[in-house]
Protein backbone atom coordinates (compact mmCIF):
# COMPACT_ATOMS: atom_id res chain seq x y z
CA MET A 1 -30.76 97.50 -85.78
CA ARG A 2 -31.68 98.21 -89.41
CA LYS A 3 -33.93 95.80 -91.16
CA SER A 4 -32.93 94.76 -94.60
CA ARG A 5 -35.44 95.35 -97.36
CA LEU A 6 -36.03 93.22 -100.37
CA ILE A 7 -36.26 95.33 -103.39
CA SER A 8 -38.16 93.76 -106.29
CA ARG A 9 -37.00 94.72 -109.74
CA PRO A 10 -38.90 94.11 -112.94
CA ALA A 11 -37.46 91.27 -115.10
CA ARG A 12 -35.55 92.40 -118.09
CA PRO A 13 -37.08 91.20 -121.37
CA LEU A 14 -35.02 88.87 -123.57
CA SER A 15 -33.48 90.44 -126.59
CA ASP A 16 -34.33 89.33 -130.15
CA SER A 17 -31.03 87.48 -130.42
CA HIS A 18 -31.86 85.44 -127.31
CA TRP A 19 -35.29 84.51 -128.69
CA LYS A 20 -33.70 83.37 -131.97
CA THR A 21 -31.24 81.18 -130.06
CA VAL A 22 -34.07 79.54 -128.08
CA ALA A 23 -36.04 78.95 -131.27
CA VAL A 24 -33.06 77.28 -132.95
CA LEU A 25 -32.52 75.00 -129.95
CA VAL A 26 -36.19 73.99 -129.84
CA LYS A 27 -36.24 73.25 -133.58
CA ALA A 28 -33.05 71.20 -133.27
CA ALA A 29 -34.54 69.19 -130.40
CA LEU A 30 -37.75 68.54 -132.37
CA ALA A 31 -35.81 67.53 -135.48
CA THR A 32 -33.66 65.14 -133.46
CA GLY A 33 -36.75 63.59 -131.90
CA VAL A 34 -38.45 63.13 -135.27
CA ALA A 35 -35.29 61.61 -136.79
CA LEU A 36 -34.95 59.21 -133.85
CA CYS A 37 -38.60 58.14 -134.17
CA LEU A 38 -38.19 57.56 -137.90
CA ALA A 39 -35.01 55.55 -137.37
CA LEU A 40 -36.66 53.34 -134.75
CA THR A 41 -39.70 52.89 -137.00
CA VAL A 42 -37.57 51.89 -140.00
CA ILE A 43 -35.67 49.39 -137.84
CA PHE A 44 -38.97 47.98 -136.62
CA VAL A 45 -40.31 47.64 -140.16
CA ALA A 46 -37.07 45.99 -141.32
CA ARG A 47 -37.25 43.44 -138.53
CA ILE A 48 -40.90 42.66 -139.23
CA GLY A 49 -40.13 42.34 -142.93
CA GLY A 50 -37.28 39.95 -142.17
CA GLN A 51 -39.68 37.71 -140.33
CA GLN A 52 -42.14 37.36 -143.19
CA SER A 53 -42.73 33.71 -144.01
CA SER A 54 -41.69 32.45 -147.41
CA VAL A 55 -44.08 32.78 -150.32
CA ALA A 56 -46.85 30.18 -150.22
CA ALA A 57 -46.70 27.23 -152.59
CA ALA A 58 -48.14 27.69 -156.06
CA GLY A 59 -51.90 27.52 -156.20
CA SER A 60 -52.49 28.43 -152.54
CA THR A 61 -55.14 30.93 -151.51
CA LEU A 62 -54.04 34.55 -151.52
CA PRO A 63 -53.95 36.41 -148.18
CA ASP A 64 -56.64 38.88 -147.25
CA PRO A 65 -56.08 41.82 -149.65
CA ALA A 66 -56.99 44.23 -146.86
CA LEU A 67 -53.90 43.11 -144.95
CA VAL A 68 -51.49 42.83 -147.85
CA ASP A 69 -50.09 45.37 -150.26
CA ALA A 70 -49.33 44.65 -153.90
CA SER A 71 -45.95 43.15 -153.07
CA GLY A 72 -47.49 40.56 -150.77
CA VAL A 73 -46.03 42.13 -147.62
CA GLU A 74 -48.33 42.79 -144.69
CA GLY A 75 -49.33 46.43 -144.66
CA ILE A 76 -48.19 47.39 -141.15
CA PHE A 77 -48.94 51.06 -141.70
CA ARG A 78 -51.43 50.65 -144.59
CA GLN A 79 -50.32 53.93 -146.15
CA SER A 80 -51.13 55.91 -143.00
CA LEU A 81 -49.71 59.35 -142.26
CA ILE A 82 -47.02 57.82 -140.04
CA ASP A 83 -45.81 55.39 -142.69
CA PRO A 84 -42.06 56.12 -142.74
CA ARG A 85 -41.88 55.10 -146.41
CA LEU A 86 -44.28 57.89 -147.34
CA ILE A 87 -42.52 60.44 -145.14
CA LEU A 88 -39.07 59.57 -146.46
CA SER A 89 -40.27 59.43 -150.05
CA GLN A 90 -41.30 63.09 -149.87
CA GLU A 91 -37.64 64.00 -149.44
CA MET A 92 -35.97 61.04 -151.18
CA PRO A 93 -38.20 59.71 -153.99
CA VAL A 94 -35.40 57.35 -155.04
CA ILE A 95 -36.58 55.03 -152.24
CA TYR A 96 -39.68 54.22 -154.28
CA GLY A 97 -37.90 53.76 -157.60
CA VAL A 98 -34.48 53.46 -159.15
CA ASP A 99 -33.20 52.77 -162.61
CA VAL A 100 -33.33 49.12 -163.53
CA GLN A 101 -29.59 48.99 -164.14
CA GLU A 102 -28.81 50.45 -160.72
CA ILE A 103 -31.45 48.68 -158.67
CA SER A 104 -30.18 47.84 -155.21
CA LEU A 105 -30.30 44.37 -153.73
CA GLU A 106 -32.95 44.02 -151.04
CA ASP A 107 -31.34 41.10 -149.24
CA SER A 108 -28.39 39.02 -150.31
CA THR A 109 -28.92 36.46 -147.55
CA PRO A 110 -30.11 33.09 -148.86
CA PRO A 111 -33.24 31.62 -147.26
CA ASP A 112 -32.65 29.69 -144.04
CA ASN A 113 -34.88 26.80 -145.08
CA PRO A 114 -34.51 25.86 -148.76
CA GLU A 115 -37.45 23.45 -148.57
CA THR A 116 -39.91 26.33 -148.33
CA ASP A 117 -38.72 27.57 -151.74
CA ILE A 118 -39.47 24.30 -153.55
CA TYR A 119 -42.89 23.01 -154.56
CA PHE A 120 -42.79 19.26 -155.15
CA ASP A 121 -45.25 17.37 -157.25
CA VAL A 122 -45.57 13.63 -156.60
CA LEU A 123 -41.94 12.51 -156.63
CA PRO A 124 -39.97 9.65 -155.08
CA GLU A 125 -38.66 10.56 -151.64
CA ASP A 126 -35.04 10.07 -152.70
CA ILE A 127 -35.49 12.60 -155.53
CA LYS A 128 -36.93 15.11 -153.08
CA MET A 129 -33.98 14.68 -150.74
CA GLU A 130 -31.64 15.05 -153.70
CA PHE A 131 -33.12 18.44 -154.58
CA LEU A 132 -32.94 19.60 -150.98
CA GLY A 133 -29.27 18.66 -151.06
CA PHE A 134 -28.76 20.68 -154.26
CA ALA A 135 -30.16 23.75 -152.52
CA ASN A 136 -27.41 23.55 -149.90
CA ASP A 137 -24.55 23.09 -152.40
CA GLU A 138 -22.11 25.82 -153.29
CA PRO A 139 -23.51 28.10 -156.04
CA GLN A 140 -22.73 26.81 -159.52
CA GLU A 141 -21.23 29.04 -162.19
CA PHE A 142 -23.07 29.33 -165.48
CA ARG A 143 -21.07 30.57 -168.44
CA VAL A 144 -21.83 31.08 -172.13
CA GLY A 145 -19.35 31.56 -174.96
CA ILE A 146 -18.56 34.83 -176.68
CA LEU A 147 -19.29 33.67 -180.24
CA GLY A 148 -22.58 33.22 -182.05
CA PRO A 149 -26.07 33.12 -180.51
CA GLN A 150 -25.96 32.07 -176.85
CA VAL A 151 -29.64 32.11 -175.84
CA LEU A 152 -32.81 30.80 -177.49
CA ILE A 153 -36.19 32.01 -176.28
CA TYR A 154 -39.16 30.00 -177.52
CA HIS A 155 -42.72 29.16 -176.50
CA THR A 156 -44.10 25.64 -176.31
CA HIS A 157 -47.54 27.11 -175.58
CA THR A 158 -47.37 30.02 -177.97
CA THR A 159 -50.94 31.34 -177.73
CA GLU A 160 -51.03 31.78 -173.95
CA ALA A 161 -52.42 35.24 -173.17
CA TYR A 162 -53.25 37.40 -170.18
CA ARG A 163 -56.29 39.08 -168.66
CA PRO A 164 -57.73 41.44 -171.28
CA THR A 165 -57.81 45.14 -170.46
CA SER A 166 -58.90 48.26 -172.33
CA GLU A 167 -55.24 48.69 -173.35
CA ASP A 168 -54.85 45.02 -174.29
CA GLU A 169 -57.89 43.73 -176.14
CA TYR A 170 -57.42 40.72 -178.38
CA VAL A 171 -59.29 38.18 -180.44
CA ALA A 172 -59.50 35.08 -178.28
CA ALA A 173 -58.51 31.68 -179.62
CA GLY A 174 -59.75 29.77 -176.58
CA SER A 175 -59.75 30.56 -172.89
CA TRP A 176 -57.01 33.10 -172.15
CA ARG A 177 -55.36 32.44 -175.52
CA THR A 178 -54.80 34.39 -178.72
CA LYS A 179 -52.94 33.83 -181.96
CA ASP A 180 -51.99 37.50 -182.05
CA HIS A 181 -48.31 37.58 -181.05
CA ALA A 182 -48.62 41.22 -180.01
CA HIS A 183 -50.98 40.21 -177.19
CA SER A 184 -49.69 36.79 -176.16
CA VAL A 185 -46.74 35.47 -174.21
CA VAL A 186 -44.73 36.00 -177.40
CA ALA A 187 -44.82 39.75 -176.72
CA VAL A 188 -43.30 39.09 -173.28
CA GLY A 189 -40.61 36.97 -174.91
CA GLU A 190 -39.76 39.85 -177.23
CA VAL A 191 -39.24 42.19 -174.28
CA LEU A 192 -37.00 39.61 -172.63
CA SER A 193 -35.05 39.17 -175.85
CA GLN A 194 -34.42 42.88 -176.31
CA GLU A 195 -33.47 43.38 -172.66
CA LEU A 196 -30.98 40.50 -172.72
CA LYS A 197 -29.39 42.01 -175.81
CA ARG A 198 -28.90 45.23 -173.87
CA TYR A 199 -26.83 43.24 -171.38
CA GLY A 200 -24.58 41.95 -174.15
CA PHE A 201 -26.16 38.57 -174.90
CA LYS A 202 -26.74 37.27 -178.42
CA VAL A 203 -30.35 36.12 -178.39
CA LEU A 204 -32.70 34.38 -180.82
CA HIS A 205 -36.46 34.52 -180.28
CA ASP A 206 -38.53 31.84 -181.99
CA THR A 207 -42.26 32.54 -182.38
CA THR A 208 -43.37 29.24 -183.93
CA ASN A 209 -46.83 28.14 -182.82
CA HIS A 210 -46.23 24.66 -181.43
CA GLU A 211 -49.79 24.04 -180.26
CA PRO A 212 -51.54 22.74 -183.43
CA PRO A 213 -52.82 20.21 -184.06
CA LYS A 214 -53.10 19.21 -180.40
CA LEU A 215 -52.05 21.14 -177.32
CA ASP A 216 -51.14 17.98 -175.39
CA THR A 217 -48.35 17.16 -177.85
CA ALA A 218 -46.90 20.68 -178.14
CA TYR A 219 -43.67 19.65 -176.39
CA GLU A 220 -42.95 17.16 -179.16
CA ARG A 221 -42.95 19.99 -181.71
CA SER A 222 -41.03 22.47 -179.55
CA LEU A 223 -38.36 19.79 -179.13
CA VAL A 224 -37.94 19.70 -182.90
CA THR A 225 -37.56 23.48 -182.89
CA MET A 226 -34.88 23.34 -180.19
CA GLN A 227 -32.94 20.64 -182.01
CA GLU A 228 -33.07 22.52 -185.31
CA TYR A 229 -31.72 25.69 -183.69
CA ARG A 230 -29.00 23.79 -181.91
CA GLN A 231 -27.93 22.07 -185.11
CA ARG A 232 -27.82 25.38 -186.96
CA TYR A 233 -26.34 27.36 -184.06
CA PRO A 234 -24.22 25.03 -181.90
CA THR A 235 -23.16 28.01 -179.78
CA ILE A 236 -26.62 28.16 -178.14
CA GLN A 237 -26.34 26.96 -174.56
CA VAL A 238 -29.29 28.54 -172.76
CA PHE A 239 -32.83 27.52 -173.74
CA ILE A 240 -35.69 29.51 -172.22
CA ASP A 241 -39.22 28.19 -172.66
CA LEU A 242 -41.37 31.19 -171.73
CA HIS A 243 -44.92 30.58 -170.53
CA ARG A 244 -47.66 32.19 -168.53
CA ASP A 245 -49.23 30.19 -165.72
CA ALA A 246 -52.94 29.55 -165.02
CA TYR A 247 -54.86 30.89 -162.02
CA LYS A 248 -58.33 29.63 -161.13
CA ASP A 249 -59.67 32.63 -159.22
CA VAL A 250 -59.07 35.49 -161.62
CA GLU A 251 -60.45 38.14 -159.29
CA ALA A 252 -58.16 37.10 -156.43
CA GLY A 253 -55.27 36.50 -158.82
CA SER A 254 -55.51 40.05 -160.15
CA LYS A 255 -53.97 41.19 -156.85
CA ASP A 256 -51.02 38.84 -157.28
CA PHE A 257 -48.20 41.14 -158.39
CA VAL A 258 -45.30 43.10 -156.97
CA VAL A 259 -44.38 46.75 -157.45
CA VAL A 260 -40.82 47.49 -158.55
CA ASN A 261 -39.60 50.92 -159.50
CA GLY A 262 -43.20 52.14 -159.47
CA GLU A 263 -44.32 49.44 -161.95
CA GLU A 264 -46.70 46.57 -161.36
CA CYS A 265 -44.88 43.35 -162.23
CA ALA A 266 -46.23 39.84 -162.58
CA ARG A 267 -44.59 37.30 -160.31
CA VAL A 268 -42.57 34.52 -161.92
CA MET A 269 -42.02 30.83 -161.32
CA CYS A 270 -39.60 28.23 -162.66
CA VAL A 271 -40.51 24.63 -163.44
CA VAL A 272 -37.83 21.92 -163.35
CA GLY A 273 -38.52 18.49 -164.81
CA THR A 274 -36.95 15.22 -163.65
CA GLY A 275 -38.05 13.15 -166.67
CA GLU A 276 -39.19 10.21 -164.54
CA LYS A 277 -40.86 8.38 -167.45
CA TYR A 278 -38.12 9.00 -170.00
CA SER A 279 -35.04 6.95 -170.73
CA VAL A 280 -33.08 10.10 -171.64
CA LYS A 281 -33.36 12.28 -168.57
CA PRO A 282 -32.45 15.92 -168.17
CA ASN A 283 -29.57 17.10 -166.04
CA TYR A 284 -32.03 18.30 -163.45
CA GLU A 285 -29.30 19.14 -160.96
CA SER A 286 -27.81 21.75 -163.29
CA ASN A 287 -31.20 23.01 -164.46
CA TYR A 288 -32.42 23.31 -160.88
CA LYS A 289 -29.32 25.17 -159.72
CA LEU A 290 -29.73 27.57 -162.64
CA ALA A 291 -33.39 28.12 -161.71
CA LEU A 292 -32.42 28.58 -158.06
CA ALA A 293 -29.69 31.11 -158.87
CA PHE A 294 -32.13 32.99 -161.09
CA ALA A 295 -34.87 32.95 -158.42
CA ASN A 296 -32.43 34.19 -155.78
CA GLU A 297 -31.48 37.15 -157.97
CA MET A 298 -35.15 37.95 -158.57
CA GLU A 299 -35.75 37.90 -154.82
CA LYS A 300 -32.86 40.31 -154.31
CA ILE A 301 -34.60 42.70 -156.67
CA LYS A 302 -37.90 42.38 -154.83
CA LYS A 303 -38.95 39.96 -152.13
CA GLY A 304 -41.91 37.95 -153.28
CA PHE A 305 -41.05 38.41 -156.98
CA THR A 306 -40.94 34.63 -157.42
CA ARG A 307 -43.15 31.75 -156.46
CA PRO A 308 -41.50 28.54 -155.21
CA ILE A 309 -39.65 26.55 -157.86
CA ARG A 310 -41.87 23.69 -158.96
CA ILE A 311 -40.33 20.25 -159.40
CA LYS A 312 -42.35 17.98 -161.69
CA THR A 313 -41.95 14.50 -163.13
CA GLY A 314 -42.17 15.65 -166.75
CA ARG A 315 -39.13 16.35 -168.91
CA TYR A 316 -40.18 19.56 -170.70
CA ASN A 317 -37.35 19.13 -173.22
CA GLN A 318 -34.84 20.08 -170.54
CA HIS A 319 -32.56 17.26 -171.61
CA VAL A 320 -31.40 19.31 -174.60
CA SER A 321 -28.97 21.36 -172.50
CA ASP A 322 -27.58 21.71 -169.01
CA MET A 323 -28.96 25.25 -168.96
CA CYS A 324 -32.68 24.92 -169.65
CA LEU A 325 -35.21 27.20 -168.00
CA LEU A 326 -38.98 26.97 -168.09
CA ILE A 327 -40.18 30.33 -166.78
CA GLU A 328 -43.81 31.17 -166.08
CA VAL A 329 -44.11 34.96 -166.28
CA GLY A 330 -47.32 35.72 -164.45
CA HIS A 331 -50.64 33.99 -165.04
CA ASN A 332 -53.95 34.61 -166.77
CA ALA A 333 -55.12 36.91 -163.97
CA ASN A 334 -52.20 39.25 -164.63
CA THR A 335 -52.16 41.78 -167.44
CA LEU A 336 -49.86 41.76 -170.41
CA GLN A 337 -48.26 44.99 -169.21
CA GLN A 338 -47.49 43.45 -165.81
CA ALA A 339 -45.82 40.53 -167.59
CA LYS A 340 -43.81 42.84 -169.85
CA ASN A 341 -42.68 44.85 -166.84
CA ALA A 342 -41.55 41.66 -165.13
CA ALA A 343 -39.61 40.56 -168.23
CA LYS A 344 -37.21 43.48 -167.78
CA TYR A 345 -36.24 42.22 -164.34
CA VAL A 346 -36.07 38.63 -165.55
CA ALA A 347 -33.37 39.83 -167.96
CA LEU A 348 -31.61 41.71 -165.18
CA ALA A 349 -31.56 38.64 -162.94
CA LEU A 350 -30.31 36.42 -165.76
CA SER A 351 -27.55 38.89 -166.55
CA ARG A 352 -26.32 38.49 -162.97
CA VAL A 353 -26.38 34.68 -163.22
CA LEU A 354 -25.00 34.04 -166.70
CA GLU A 355 -21.39 35.00 -167.35
CA ILE A 356 -20.10 35.68 -170.86
CA GLY A 357 -16.67 34.26 -171.64
CA GLU A 358 -14.76 31.16 -172.62
């Protein structure tokens, strides 16, 4: 009986074409794995970002700067090599910056709890409940006419200035104040004026210094200015009193800004007055809803761009019109350039809120 023999034969080497096929398959598998990891990471970041608590009330202590980036969002990756934003930005730099006119909305969903977006001063409980009710109402439309000036920008506290820098040195006229319009809040108002004009609005910018002879009575003089403009230009419907806020801890406050389109921007806040001590009260419902619509648009541009709307018992001349805004663009710990950068987006947000037409 013949025994069968196993004959071993040397393995045939793979051809070059086979090696190329294997290499392509391996690369494809690696690319798929990397893409899947990035997608899961982005989803994770989006969910964490959606859970961020609302911006703290005005005047609260800033978070630990080591845990927070310039936008006020916790730095989950802290600019590490696995930060998906950095990886994606190498291929798609548009993620880190887009043209102001084409800026995408970050989140069009209104906040779940409107109370967290309001900062109340000492107010009667029924007034507080009234404002909370306003926040849940259907959005109000705000329309200006097509003829004549529609918007007046002015400054009750005209000499308010920002933190001096080597690019923005000025002659001080008190703490964080200057009479030089090129370095005060007036310069921010000019940027806002020019940007609103780009969006088709007819804007007047008043630069009268309302502070002398006494700062405490500046609102009396700015009221005269408003009334004179309204008498001369009855088409004006929107009155914007542009300020800069005050921050006690300048060093900590210098970190209080957001980054939009690669630019550092001062955060903004609206103040709405109820006129508790005045017989002629403002239409604070309309003024608040305008401030709320504006703040919502700012938050769509960049989360954390605004601080909670502040409701105060003063009147702030907001009885002159149903569309009065007191906007604080940054504070004394911000720089003038940060405030100017923010003014561009203030104009963008207003252009989305105010409609032009009869």
